[in-house]
Amino acid sequence: MTFHSRCSIGCSVVGSTEMRRFRVVPVELSEANAFVAMHHRHHAPTQGHRFSIGAENGDGSLVGVAIVGRPVARRCNQRTTVEVTRLCTDGTEHACSFLYAACARIAHALGYETIQTYTLPDESGASLRAAGWTMEGLAGGGIWKHTDGKPRRTDQPTERKLRWSKRVGIVPELEATNG
């Protein structure tokens, strides 16, 4: 039996046998990084962020975190775009899509136009699609050096990734009709 319920912050969640409720909570970068270090399959903690959030379940347990920072790609507009640099859960069903949707709403509230993230080609992207994100295609990868000449880290995946994004700002042609 499938049901449709409303989360405590207005996000839709579809479940299979029991109601799952999540709540967005702010988390410090250190707490988010500790969760990533414990649970992420292939990435280490991040160096910085614009904001980090967590998903708590009904009993108050932290079941996932998202770290949102500046875009990693140099040519991305740092003023209008933010990037989910880490999203990690303990495997709780629907927590990933809940966090992606919450990150997009927060990016909108902060005035950003676009939110983006990257996945490995063997990851399905189901949580991103469920949260309304669009896959743009292959991006990046390979061996490169930082602008200061330091080599790229190789303790994390270096192959090409799939870039996903969601437009969260006001579309210019609609802005005139909103005023």
N, C-alpha and C. Protein backbone atom coordinates (compact mmCIF):
# COMPACT_ATOMS: atom_id res chain seq x y z
N MET A 1 0.84 -1.17 0.00
CA MET A 1 0.00 0.00 0.00
C MET A 1 0.88 1.24 0.00
N THR A 2 0.61 2.16 -0.92
CA THR A 2 1.38 3.39 -1.00
C THR A 2 0.53 4.53 -0.46
N PHE A 3 1.14 5.45 0.23
CA PHE A 3 0.44 6.60 0.76
C PHE A 3 1.22 7.84 0.43
N HIS A 4 0.59 8.98 0.61
CA HIS A 4 1.22 10.26 0.36
C HIS A 4 1.03 11.10 1.62
N SER A 5 2.09 11.61 2.20
CA SER A 5 1.97 12.43 3.40
C SER A 5 2.74 13.72 3.23
N ARG A 6 2.55 14.66 4.11
CA ARG A 6 3.27 15.92 4.10
C ARG A 6 4.29 15.93 5.22
N CYS A 7 5.53 16.31 4.89
CA CYS A 7 6.57 16.43 5.91
C CYS A 7 6.34 17.69 6.73
N SER A 8 7.04 17.77 7.82
CA SER A 8 6.85 18.89 8.73
C SER A 8 7.23 20.23 8.10
N ILE A 9 8.01 20.23 7.02
CA ILE A 9 8.33 21.51 6.37
C ILE A 9 7.69 21.59 4.98
N GLY A 10 6.72 20.75 4.71
CA GLY A 10 5.96 20.87 3.48
C GLY A 10 6.50 20.07 2.31
N CYS A 11 7.38 19.14 2.52
CA CYS A 11 7.90 18.34 1.43
C CYS A 11 7.08 17.06 1.32
N SER A 12 6.73 16.70 0.11
CA SER A 12 5.96 15.47 -0.08
C SER A 12 6.86 14.26 0.03
N VAL A 13 6.37 13.22 0.68
CA VAL A 13 7.11 11.97 0.80
C VAL A 13 6.16 10.84 0.48
N VAL A 14 6.62 9.93 -0.36
CA VAL A 14 5.82 8.75 -0.66
C VAL A 14 6.47 7.59 0.05
N GLY A 15 5.71 6.79 0.77
CA GLY A 15 6.25 5.66 1.51
C GLY A 15 5.54 4.39 1.15
N SER A 16 6.02 3.25 1.62
CA SER A 16 5.42 1.99 1.24
C SER A 16 4.61 1.34 2.34
N THR A 17 5.06 1.33 3.57
CA THR A 17 4.31 0.64 4.61
C THR A 17 4.07 1.45 5.86
N GLU A 18 4.92 2.38 6.16
CA GLU A 18 4.73 3.18 7.36
C GLU A 18 5.07 4.63 7.07
N MET A 19 4.47 5.54 7.82
CA MET A 19 4.71 6.96 7.59
C MET A 19 6.13 7.33 8.01
N ARG A 20 6.82 8.03 7.11
CA ARG A 20 8.15 8.52 7.41
C ARG A 20 8.06 10.04 7.46
N ARG A 21 8.47 10.61 8.54
CA ARG A 21 8.48 12.06 8.66
C ARG A 21 9.91 12.50 8.94
N PHE A 22 10.33 13.51 8.21
CA PHE A 22 11.64 14.10 8.41
C PHE A 22 11.47 15.55 8.77
N ARG A 23 12.48 16.06 9.40
CA ARG A 23 12.53 17.47 9.75
C ARG A 23 13.90 17.99 9.39
N VAL A 24 13.96 19.15 8.74
CA VAL A 24 15.23 19.79 8.42
C VAL A 24 15.78 20.43 9.68
N VAL A 25 17.06 20.19 9.94
CA VAL A 25 17.73 20.83 11.08
C VAL A 25 19.05 21.42 10.59
N PRO A 26 19.43 22.58 11.13
CA PRO A 26 20.74 23.12 10.78
C PRO A 26 21.82 22.29 11.47
N VAL A 27 22.92 22.07 10.78
CA VAL A 27 24.05 21.37 11.40
C VAL A 27 25.33 22.14 11.12
N GLU A 28 26.23 22.13 12.06
CA GLU A 28 27.54 22.74 11.87
C GLU A 28 28.32 21.90 10.85
N LEU A 29 29.25 22.54 10.16
CA LEU A 29 30.07 21.81 9.18
C LEU A 29 30.81 20.65 9.84
N SER A 30 31.30 20.84 11.05
CA SER A 30 32.04 19.77 11.74
C SER A 30 31.15 18.55 11.98
N GLU A 31 29.88 18.78 12.34
CA GLU A 31 28.96 17.67 12.57
C GLU A 31 28.62 16.97 11.25
N ALA A 32 28.39 17.77 10.20
CA ALA A 32 28.09 17.18 8.89
C ALA A 32 29.29 16.38 8.38
N ASN A 33 30.49 16.92 8.54
CA ASN A 33 31.70 16.22 8.09
C ASN A 33 31.92 14.92 8.88
N ALA A 34 31.60 14.93 10.17
CA ALA A 34 31.73 13.69 10.96
C ALA A 34 30.76 12.63 10.44
N PHE A 35 29.54 13.03 10.08
CA PHE A 35 28.56 12.10 9.52
C PHE A 35 29.06 11.55 8.18
N VAL A 36 29.62 12.43 7.34
CA VAL A 36 30.17 12.02 6.04
C VAL A 36 31.32 11.03 6.26
N ALA A 37 32.21 11.33 7.18
CA ALA A 37 33.36 10.45 7.45
C ALA A 37 32.88 9.06 7.88
N MET A 38 31.77 9.00 8.59
CA MET A 38 31.26 7.73 9.08
C MET A 38 30.46 6.95 8.04
N HIS A 39 29.73 7.66 7.15
CA HIS A 39 28.76 6.98 6.30
C HIS A 39 28.99 7.04 4.79
N HIS A 40 29.78 8.01 4.29
CA HIS A 40 29.87 8.17 2.83
C HIS A 40 30.70 7.07 2.19
N ARG A 41 30.22 6.57 1.05
CA ARG A 41 30.88 5.45 0.37
C ARG A 41 32.21 5.83 -0.26
N HIS A 42 32.33 7.03 -0.83
CA HIS A 42 33.53 7.33 -1.61
C HIS A 42 34.08 8.74 -1.47
N HIS A 43 33.54 9.54 -0.57
CA HIS A 43 34.07 10.90 -0.42
C HIS A 43 34.48 11.19 1.01
N ALA A 44 35.51 11.99 1.13
CA ALA A 44 35.98 12.47 2.43
C ALA A 44 35.21 13.74 2.80
N PRO A 45 35.34 14.21 4.02
CA PRO A 45 34.69 15.47 4.41
C PRO A 45 35.14 16.64 3.53
N THR A 46 34.37 17.73 3.56
CA THR A 46 34.67 18.90 2.73
C THR A 46 35.47 19.94 3.52
N GLN A 47 36.00 20.92 2.80
CA GLN A 47 36.80 21.98 3.43
C GLN A 47 35.97 23.16 3.90
N GLY A 48 34.85 23.42 3.26
CA GLY A 48 34.05 24.58 3.62
C GLY A 48 32.62 24.41 3.15
N HIS A 49 31.79 25.42 3.42
CA HIS A 49 30.39 25.34 3.01
C HIS A 49 29.75 26.72 3.03
N ARG A 50 28.62 26.82 2.34
CA ARG A 50 27.74 27.99 2.47
C ARG A 50 26.74 27.70 3.60
N PHE A 51 26.21 26.45 3.62
CA PHE A 51 25.33 26.00 4.70
C PHE A 51 25.31 24.48 4.72
N SER A 52 24.96 23.92 5.85
CA SER A 52 24.80 22.48 5.99
C SER A 52 23.49 22.22 6.73
N ILE A 53 22.80 21.16 6.30
CA ILE A 53 21.55 20.79 6.95
C ILE A 53 21.54 19.30 7.23
N GLY A 54 20.66 18.91 8.12
CA GLY A 54 20.47 17.50 8.41
C GLY A 54 19.01 17.14 8.28
N ALA A 55 18.75 15.84 8.19
CA ALA A 55 17.39 15.31 8.20
C ALA A 55 17.26 14.48 9.47
N GLU A 56 16.31 14.87 10.30
CA GLU A 56 16.00 14.09 11.50
C GLU A 56 14.73 13.30 11.25
N ASN A 57 14.69 12.08 11.76
CA ASN A 57 13.46 11.30 11.65
C ASN A 57 12.55 11.62 12.83
N GLY A 58 11.43 10.90 12.93
CA GLY A 58 10.43 11.19 13.95
C GLY A 58 10.92 11.10 15.38
N ASP A 59 11.95 10.28 15.64
CA ASP A 59 12.44 10.17 17.02
C ASP A 59 13.63 11.09 17.30
N GLY A 60 13.94 11.99 16.35
CA GLY A 60 15.00 12.96 16.56
C GLY A 60 16.38 12.49 16.18
N SER A 61 16.50 11.31 15.56
CA SER A 61 17.81 10.81 15.12
C SER A 61 18.21 11.45 13.80
N LEU A 62 19.46 11.84 13.70
CA LEU A 62 20.00 12.38 12.46
C LEU A 62 20.21 11.22 11.49
N VAL A 63 19.51 11.25 10.35
CA VAL A 63 19.60 10.15 9.39
C VAL A 63 20.31 10.55 8.10
N GLY A 64 20.63 11.83 7.95
CA GLY A 64 21.34 12.28 6.75
C GLY A 64 21.77 13.72 6.88
N VAL A 65 22.75 14.09 6.06
CA VAL A 65 23.25 15.47 6.02
C VAL A 65 23.49 15.89 4.58
N ALA A 66 23.44 17.18 4.36
CA ALA A 66 23.81 17.76 3.06
C ALA A 66 24.71 18.95 3.35
N ILE A 67 25.79 19.03 2.61
CA ILE A 67 26.72 20.15 2.71
C ILE A 67 26.66 20.90 1.39
N VAL A 68 26.34 22.17 1.45
CA VAL A 68 26.17 22.98 0.24
C VAL A 68 27.22 24.08 0.27
N GLY A 69 27.98 24.17 -0.83
CA GLY A 69 29.06 25.15 -0.89
C GLY A 69 29.10 25.87 -2.21
N ARG A 70 30.22 26.54 -2.43
CA ARG A 70 30.40 27.22 -3.69
C ARG A 70 30.67 26.19 -4.77
N PRO A 71 30.35 26.50 -6.03
CA PRO A 71 30.62 25.54 -7.10
C PRO A 71 32.12 25.24 -7.21
N VAL A 72 32.44 23.99 -7.43
CA VAL A 72 33.84 23.57 -7.56
C VAL A 72 34.42 24.04 -8.90
N ALA A 73 33.62 23.98 -9.96
CA ALA A 73 34.10 24.40 -11.29
C ALA A 73 34.39 25.90 -11.28
N ARG A 74 35.56 26.27 -11.76
CA ARG A 74 36.00 27.67 -11.72
C ARG A 74 35.10 28.61 -12.52
N ARG A 75 34.56 28.11 -13.63
CA ARG A 75 33.79 29.00 -14.51
C ARG A 75 32.32 29.14 -14.11
N CYS A 76 31.93 28.48 -13.05
CA CYS A 76 30.55 28.60 -12.55
C CYS A 76 30.40 29.92 -11.81
N ASN A 77 29.26 30.57 -11.98
CA ASN A 77 29.02 31.84 -11.30
C ASN A 77 28.85 31.60 -9.80
N GLN A 78 29.81 32.07 -9.02
CA GLN A 78 29.82 31.85 -7.57
C GLN A 78 28.75 32.65 -6.83
N ARG A 79 28.22 33.68 -7.45
CA ARG A 79 27.20 34.51 -6.80
C ARG A 79 25.79 33.98 -7.01
N THR A 80 25.56 33.26 -8.12
CA THR A 80 24.20 32.84 -8.43
C THR A 80 23.97 31.34 -8.29
N THR A 81 25.05 30.58 -8.10
CA THR A 81 24.96 29.11 -8.06
C THR A 81 25.59 28.57 -6.78
N VAL A 82 24.93 27.59 -6.19
CA VAL A 82 25.52 26.83 -5.09
C VAL A 82 25.53 25.36 -5.50
N GLU A 83 26.36 24.59 -4.82
CA GLU A 83 26.55 23.18 -5.17
C GLU A 83 26.43 22.30 -3.94
N VAL A 84 25.65 21.24 -4.06
CA VAL A 84 25.62 20.22 -3.00
C VAL A 84 26.91 19.44 -3.18
N THR A 85 27.87 19.69 -2.28
CA THR A 85 29.17 19.04 -2.41
C THR A 85 29.21 17.69 -1.72
N ARG A 86 28.34 17.47 -0.74
CA ARG A 86 28.19 16.16 -0.11
C ARG A 86 26.73 15.99 0.29
N LEU A 87 26.20 14.81 0.03
CA LEU A 87 24.91 14.41 0.57
C LEU A 87 25.09 12.98 1.00
N CYS A 88 24.75 12.70 2.24
CA CYS A 88 25.04 11.40 2.82
C CYS A 88 23.94 11.03 3.79
N THR A 89 23.48 9.78 3.72
CA THR A 89 22.48 9.30 4.68
C THR A 89 22.95 7.97 5.27
N ASP A 90 22.22 7.53 6.28
CA ASP A 90 22.50 6.22 6.86
C ASP A 90 21.73 5.12 6.15
N GLY A 91 21.12 5.43 5.02
CA GLY A 91 20.35 4.46 4.26
C GLY A 91 18.85 4.55 4.48
N THR A 92 18.41 5.48 5.30
CA THR A 92 16.98 5.66 5.56
C THR A 92 16.26 6.01 4.26
N GLU A 93 15.19 5.29 3.98
CA GLU A 93 14.43 5.47 2.74
C GLU A 93 13.90 6.90 2.64
N HIS A 94 14.04 7.48 1.47
CA HIS A 94 13.55 8.81 1.10
C HIS A 94 14.34 9.97 1.70
N ALA A 95 15.35 9.71 2.51
CA ALA A 95 16.10 10.79 3.12
C ALA A 95 16.89 11.60 2.08
N CYS A 96 17.44 10.94 1.07
CA CYS A 96 18.21 11.67 0.04
C CYS A 96 17.33 12.66 -0.70
N SER A 97 16.18 12.21 -1.20
CA SER A 97 15.32 13.13 -1.96
C SER A 97 14.80 14.25 -1.06
N PHE A 98 14.52 13.94 0.20
CA PHE A 98 14.10 14.96 1.16
C PHE A 98 15.18 16.03 1.29
N LEU A 99 16.44 15.62 1.44
CA LEU A 99 17.53 16.58 1.60
C LEU A 99 17.78 17.39 0.33
N TYR A 100 17.74 16.74 -0.85
CA TYR A 100 17.92 17.49 -2.11
C TYR A 100 16.84 18.55 -2.26
N ALA A 101 15.59 18.19 -1.97
CA ALA A 101 14.49 19.16 -2.08
C ALA A 101 14.67 20.30 -1.07
N ALA A 102 15.06 19.98 0.15
CA ALA A 102 15.27 21.00 1.17
C ALA A 102 16.41 21.95 0.79
N CYS A 103 17.49 21.41 0.24
CA CYS A 103 18.62 22.25 -0.19
C CYS A 103 18.16 23.24 -1.26
N ALA A 104 17.33 22.78 -2.20
CA ALA A 104 16.84 23.66 -3.26
C ALA A 104 15.96 24.77 -2.69
N ARG A 105 15.11 24.45 -1.73
CA ARG A 105 14.26 25.47 -1.11
C ARG A 105 15.09 26.50 -0.34
N ILE A 106 16.12 26.04 0.35
CA ILE A 106 16.99 26.95 1.10
C ILE A 106 17.78 27.83 0.14
N ALA A 107 18.30 27.25 -0.95
CA ALA A 107 19.04 28.04 -1.95
C ALA A 107 18.13 29.13 -2.53
N HIS A 108 16.89 28.79 -2.79
CA HIS A 108 15.93 29.78 -3.28
C HIS A 108 15.74 30.89 -2.25
N ALA A 109 15.54 30.51 -0.99
CA ALA A 109 15.32 31.49 0.08
C ALA A 109 16.52 32.42 0.25
N LEU A 110 17.72 31.93 -0.04
CA LEU A 110 18.93 32.74 0.09
C LEU A 110 19.21 33.58 -1.15
N GLY A 111 18.38 33.44 -2.19
CA GLY A 111 18.52 34.28 -3.37
C GLY A 111 19.35 33.70 -4.50
N TYR A 112 19.75 32.44 -4.41
CA TYR A 112 20.51 31.83 -5.50
C TYR A 112 19.57 31.51 -6.67
N GLU A 113 20.13 31.44 -7.87
CA GLU A 113 19.35 31.12 -9.06
C GLU A 113 19.36 29.63 -9.38
N THR A 114 20.49 28.97 -9.09
CA THR A 114 20.66 27.58 -9.48
C THR A 114 21.35 26.81 -8.36
N ILE A 115 20.96 25.56 -8.21
CA ILE A 115 21.67 24.65 -7.32
C ILE A 115 22.08 23.46 -8.18
N GLN A 116 23.27 22.93 -7.94
CA GLN A 116 23.77 21.82 -8.75
C GLN A 116 24.49 20.81 -7.88
N THR A 117 24.70 19.63 -8.46
CA THR A 117 25.49 18.60 -7.81
C THR A 117 26.00 17.64 -8.88
N TYR A 118 26.87 16.74 -8.49
CA TYR A 118 27.44 15.75 -9.41
C TYR A 118 27.27 14.36 -8.80
N THR A 119 27.00 13.37 -9.66
CA THR A 119 26.93 11.98 -9.22
C THR A 119 27.84 11.14 -10.10
N LEU A 120 28.20 9.98 -9.61
CA LEU A 120 28.96 9.04 -10.42
C LEU A 120 28.04 8.42 -11.47
N PRO A 121 28.56 8.06 -12.63
CA PRO A 121 27.71 7.50 -13.69
C PRO A 121 26.94 6.24 -13.29
N ASP A 122 27.44 5.48 -12.32
CA ASP A 122 26.73 4.26 -11.93
C ASP A 122 25.67 4.51 -10.85
N GLU A 123 25.47 5.77 -10.44
CA GLU A 123 24.42 6.10 -9.48
C GLU A 123 23.18 6.52 -10.28
N SER A 124 22.02 6.02 -9.86
CA SER A 124 20.80 6.17 -10.67
C SER A 124 20.25 7.59 -10.74
N GLY A 125 20.45 8.39 -9.73
CA GLY A 125 19.88 9.73 -9.72
C GLY A 125 18.40 9.76 -9.35
N ALA A 126 17.86 8.65 -8.86
CA ALA A 126 16.43 8.58 -8.53
C ALA A 126 16.03 9.63 -7.51
N SER A 127 16.87 9.87 -6.51
CA SER A 127 16.55 10.86 -5.47
C SER A 127 16.53 12.27 -6.05
N LEU A 128 17.43 12.55 -6.97
CA LEU A 128 17.46 13.86 -7.62
C LEU A 128 16.23 14.07 -8.50
N ARG A 129 15.89 13.06 -9.28
CA ARG A 129 14.68 13.15 -10.11
C ARG A 129 13.44 13.34 -9.24
N ALA A 130 13.36 12.61 -8.12
CA ALA A 130 12.22 12.72 -7.21
C ALA A 130 12.11 14.13 -6.63
N ALA A 131 13.25 14.82 -6.48
CA ALA A 131 13.25 16.17 -5.92
C ALA A 131 13.13 17.24 -7.01
N GLY A 132 12.94 16.82 -8.26
CA GLY A 132 12.71 17.78 -9.35
C GLY A 132 13.95 18.31 -10.03
N TRP A 133 15.10 17.66 -9.85
CA TRP A 133 16.33 18.09 -10.49
C TRP A 133 16.41 17.51 -11.90
N THR A 134 17.25 18.13 -12.75
CA THR A 134 17.42 17.70 -14.14
C THR A 134 18.88 17.30 -14.37
N MET A 135 19.07 16.16 -15.03
CA MET A 135 20.44 15.72 -15.38
C MET A 135 20.85 16.47 -16.64
N GLU A 136 22.00 17.16 -16.58
CA GLU A 136 22.48 17.97 -17.70
C GLU A 136 23.45 17.23 -18.59
N GLY A 137 24.10 16.17 -18.09
CA GLY A 137 25.04 15.42 -18.90
C GLY A 137 26.37 15.20 -18.18
N LEU A 138 27.33 14.65 -18.92
CA LEU A 138 28.65 14.37 -18.35
C LEU A 138 29.45 15.64 -18.17
N ALA A 139 30.26 15.65 -17.12
CA ALA A 139 31.09 16.82 -16.84
C ALA A 139 32.36 16.39 -16.12
N GLY A 140 33.40 17.19 -16.31
CA GLY A 140 34.62 17.06 -15.52
C GLY A 140 35.35 15.74 -15.63
N GLY A 141 36.05 15.43 -14.56
CA GLY A 141 36.83 14.21 -14.48
C GLY A 141 38.26 14.39 -14.95
N GLY A 142 39.03 13.31 -14.83
CA GLY A 142 40.40 13.32 -15.29
C GLY A 142 41.37 13.86 -14.26
N ILE A 143 42.60 13.99 -14.68
CA ILE A 143 43.66 14.48 -13.81
C ILE A 143 43.92 15.94 -14.17
N TRP A 144 43.96 16.79 -13.17
CA TRP A 144 44.22 18.21 -13.37
C TRP A 144 44.92 18.74 -12.15
N LYS A 145 45.34 19.99 -12.23
CA LYS A 145 46.01 20.64 -11.10
C LYS A 145 45.20 21.84 -10.66
N HIS A 146 45.30 22.16 -9.39
CA HIS A 146 44.67 23.37 -8.85
C HIS A 146 45.39 24.59 -9.42
N THR A 147 44.76 25.74 -9.30
CA THR A 147 45.37 26.97 -9.83
C THR A 147 46.70 27.28 -9.16
N ASP A 148 46.91 26.77 -7.93
CA ASP A 148 48.19 27.01 -7.25
C ASP A 148 49.24 25.95 -7.58
N GLY A 149 48.89 25.04 -8.52
CA GLY A 149 49.83 24.02 -8.97
C GLY A 149 49.79 22.71 -8.22
N LYS A 150 49.03 22.65 -7.11
CA LYS A 150 48.94 21.39 -6.37
C LYS A 150 48.14 20.38 -7.19
N PRO A 151 48.54 19.11 -7.15
CA PRO A 151 47.79 18.10 -7.90
C PRO A 151 46.42 17.84 -7.29
N ARG A 152 45.52 17.34 -8.13
CA ARG A 152 44.17 16.99 -7.68
C ARG A 152 44.25 15.80 -6.73
N ARG A 153 43.35 15.79 -5.74
CA ARG A 153 43.28 14.65 -4.82
C ARG A 153 42.90 13.41 -5.62
N THR A 154 43.50 12.29 -5.26
CA THR A 154 43.17 11.03 -5.94
C THR A 154 42.58 10.01 -4.98
N ASP A 155 42.25 10.45 -3.75
CA ASP A 155 41.64 9.54 -2.78
C ASP A 155 40.12 9.49 -2.94
N GLN A 156 39.61 10.18 -3.96
CA GLN A 156 38.19 10.20 -4.27
C GLN A 156 38.04 9.95 -5.77
N PRO A 157 36.84 9.60 -6.23
CA PRO A 157 36.66 9.29 -7.65
C PRO A 157 37.09 10.44 -8.56
N THR A 158 37.83 10.12 -9.61
CA THR A 158 38.31 11.14 -10.54
C THR A 158 37.70 11.00 -11.93
N GLU A 159 36.80 10.00 -12.12
CA GLU A 159 36.20 9.84 -13.44
C GLU A 159 35.18 10.94 -13.71
N ARG A 160 34.71 11.03 -14.97
CA ARG A 160 33.69 12.01 -15.31
C ARG A 160 32.43 11.73 -14.50
N LYS A 161 31.72 12.79 -14.19
CA LYS A 161 30.51 12.70 -13.38
C LYS A 161 29.31 13.17 -14.19
N LEU A 162 28.13 12.92 -13.65
CA LEU A 162 26.90 13.47 -14.22
C LEU A 162 26.55 14.72 -13.44
N ARG A 163 26.31 15.82 -14.17
CA ARG A 163 25.92 17.06 -13.50
C ARG A 163 24.40 17.16 -13.49
N TRP A 164 23.85 17.46 -12.31
CA TRP A 164 22.41 17.66 -12.10
C TRP A 164 22.21 19.08 -11.61
N SER A 165 21.09 19.69 -11.98
CA SER A 165 20.82 21.04 -11.49
C SER A 165 19.32 21.26 -11.34
N LYS A 166 19.02 22.31 -10.62
CA LYS A 166 17.64 22.75 -10.47
C LYS A 166 17.65 24.26 -10.44
N ARG A 167 16.83 24.86 -11.26
CA ARG A 167 16.68 26.32 -11.26
C ARG A 167 15.78 26.69 -10.08
N VAL A 168 16.28 27.53 -9.18
CA VAL A 168 15.53 27.86 -7.97
C VAL A 168 15.18 29.34 -7.88
N GLY A 169 15.80 30.18 -8.71
CA GLY A 169 15.53 31.61 -8.67
C GLY A 169 14.31 31.96 -9.50
N ILE A 170 13.92 33.21 -9.43
CA ILE A 170 12.79 33.69 -10.22
C ILE A 170 13.21 33.80 -11.66
N VAL A 171 12.42 33.23 -12.56
CA VAL A 171 12.70 33.31 -13.99
C VAL A 171 12.43 34.75 -14.42
N PRO A 172 13.38 35.42 -15.11
CA PRO A 172 13.24 36.84 -15.43
C PRO A 172 11.91 37.21 -16.10
N GLU A 173 11.42 36.42 -17.05
CA GLU A 173 10.18 36.78 -17.73
C GLU A 173 8.96 36.66 -16.80
N LEU A 174 9.07 35.92 -15.72
CA LEU A 174 7.97 35.81 -14.77
C LEU A 174 8.05 36.89 -13.69
N GLU A 175 9.24 37.46 -13.51
CA GLU A 175 9.44 38.44 -12.45
C GLU A 175 8.51 39.63 -12.63
N ALA A 176 8.29 40.08 -13.86
CA ALA A 176 7.44 41.23 -14.11
C ALA A 176 5.98 40.96 -13.73
N THR A 177 5.53 39.72 -13.85
CA THR A 177 4.14 39.39 -13.52
C THR A 177 3.94 39.19 -12.02
N ASN A 178 5.03 39.06 -11.26
CA ASN A 178 4.91 38.86 -9.82
C ASN A 178 4.82 40.18 -9.05
N GLY A 179 5.02 41.31 -9.69
CA GLY A 179 5.10 42.55 -8.95
C GLY A 179 3.88 43.34 -9.09
